[in-house]
Amino acid sequence: MNDHNQKILHRMKIAKGHLEKVISMVEKDEYCLDVIQQTQAVTSSLEKVSELILENHLKTCVRESMESGKNIDEKVAEVIEVFKRK
């Protein structure tokens, strides 16, 4: 596994830990605002995962397209489409 994938996996495990904590908190009927705070930690962790993946995509796939002069518009459209879905 390369360094980039290790970073992504590490971040995913952090998000998983936060999500497991949210599940536990709900099962224990803990204070609502504490649960919300923990769900925000899950969201933040997943956003960091997305940032890492996007950075890698731009540095690899998009860069390769730009260097070869092929599929540039297609690669840009793919990135735009991902953000439109958000």
Protein backbone atom coordinates (compact mmCIF):
# COMPACT_ATOMS: atom_id res chain seq x y z
CA MET A 1 0.00 0.00 0.00
CA ASN A 2 1.42 3.36 -0.96
CA ASP A 3 1.80 6.31 1.41
CA HIS A 4 -1.20 8.12 -0.06
CA ASN A 5 -3.52 5.16 0.51
CA GLN A 6 -2.16 4.74 4.03
CA LYS A 7 -3.09 8.36 4.80
CA ILE A 8 -6.59 7.81 3.41
CA LEU A 9 -7.02 4.60 5.37
CA HIS A 10 -5.84 6.33 8.56
CA ARG A 11 -8.39 9.11 8.07
CA MET A 12 -11.14 6.58 7.33
CA LYS A 13 -10.37 4.75 10.56
CA ILE A 14 -10.61 8.04 12.45
CA ALA A 15 -14.03 8.66 10.88
CA LYS A 16 -15.08 5.11 11.74
CA GLY A 17 -14.08 5.67 15.36
CA HIS A 18 -16.10 8.87 15.52
CA LEU A 19 -19.12 7.12 13.96
CA GLU A 20 -18.87 4.23 16.41
CA LYS A 21 -18.85 6.81 19.21
CA VAL A 22 -22.01 8.44 17.80
CA ILE A 23 -23.76 5.07 17.66
CA SER A 24 -22.77 4.34 21.24
CA MET A 25 -23.92 7.77 22.40
CA VAL A 26 -27.34 7.33 20.76
CA GLU A 27 -27.71 3.86 22.25
CA LYS A 28 -26.95 5.33 25.70
CA ASP A 29 -29.37 8.22 25.09
CA GLU A 30 -26.65 10.80 25.72
CA TYR A 31 -27.20 14.55 25.56
CA CYS A 32 -28.32 15.66 22.10
CA LEU A 33 -25.77 18.43 21.65
CA ASP A 34 -22.93 16.08 22.57
CA VAL A 35 -24.16 13.68 19.89
CA ILE A 36 -24.28 16.52 17.36
CA GLN A 37 -20.75 17.53 18.24
CA GLN A 38 -19.60 13.97 17.61
CA THR A 39 -21.48 13.78 14.28
CA GLN A 40 -19.66 16.95 13.26
CA ALA A 41 -16.38 15.15 13.98
CA VAL A 42 -17.49 12.34 11.64
CA THR A 43 -18.31 14.85 8.91
CA SER A 44 -15.01 16.66 9.36
CA SER A 45 -13.06 13.40 9.17
CA LEU A 46 -14.83 12.37 5.96
CA GLU A 47 -14.25 15.80 4.43
CA LYS A 48 -10.52 15.37 5.08
CA VAL A 49 -10.65 12.00 3.32
CA SER A 50 -12.30 13.64 0.32
CA GLU A 51 -9.65 16.37 0.29
CA LEU A 52 -6.86 13.78 0.23
CA ILE A 53 -8.50 11.85 -2.59
CA LEU A 54 -9.15 15.00 -4.62
CA GLU A 55 -5.58 16.19 -4.14
CA ASN A 56 -4.27 12.86 -5.39
CA HIS A 57 -6.66 12.88 -8.34
CA LEU A 58 -5.52 16.35 -9.37
CA LYS A 59 -1.85 15.44 -8.99
CA THR A 60 -2.17 12.21 -10.97
CA CYS A 61 -5.12 11.79 -13.34
CA VAL A 62 -5.70 15.45 -14.15
CA ARG A 63 -1.98 16.21 -14.42
CA GLU A 64 -1.49 13.25 -16.79
CA SER A 65 -4.34 14.49 -18.99
CA MET A 66 -2.91 17.99 -19.07
CA GLU A 67 0.58 16.72 -19.93
CA SER A 68 -0.73 14.46 -22.70
CA GLY A 69 -3.21 17.03 -23.96
CA LYS A 70 -5.94 14.36 -23.92
CA ASN A 71 -9.24 14.27 -22.05
CA ILE A 72 -8.60 17.57 -20.23
CA ASP A 73 -12.19 18.77 -20.52
CA GLU A 74 -13.46 15.35 -19.48
CA LYS A 75 -11.29 15.30 -16.35
CA VAL A 76 -12.33 18.81 -15.38
CA ALA A 77 -16.00 17.93 -15.94
CA GLU A 78 -15.64 14.88 -13.69
CA VAL A 79 -14.34 17.01 -10.83
CA ILE A 80 -17.07 19.61 -11.33
CA GLU A 81 -19.75 16.89 -11.38
CA VAL A 82 -18.56 15.51 -8.03
CA PHE A 83 -18.95 18.93 -6.43
CA LYS A 84 -22.38 19.50 -8.03
CA ARG A 85 -23.63 16.37 -6.26
CA LYS A 86 -22.62 17.79 -2.90
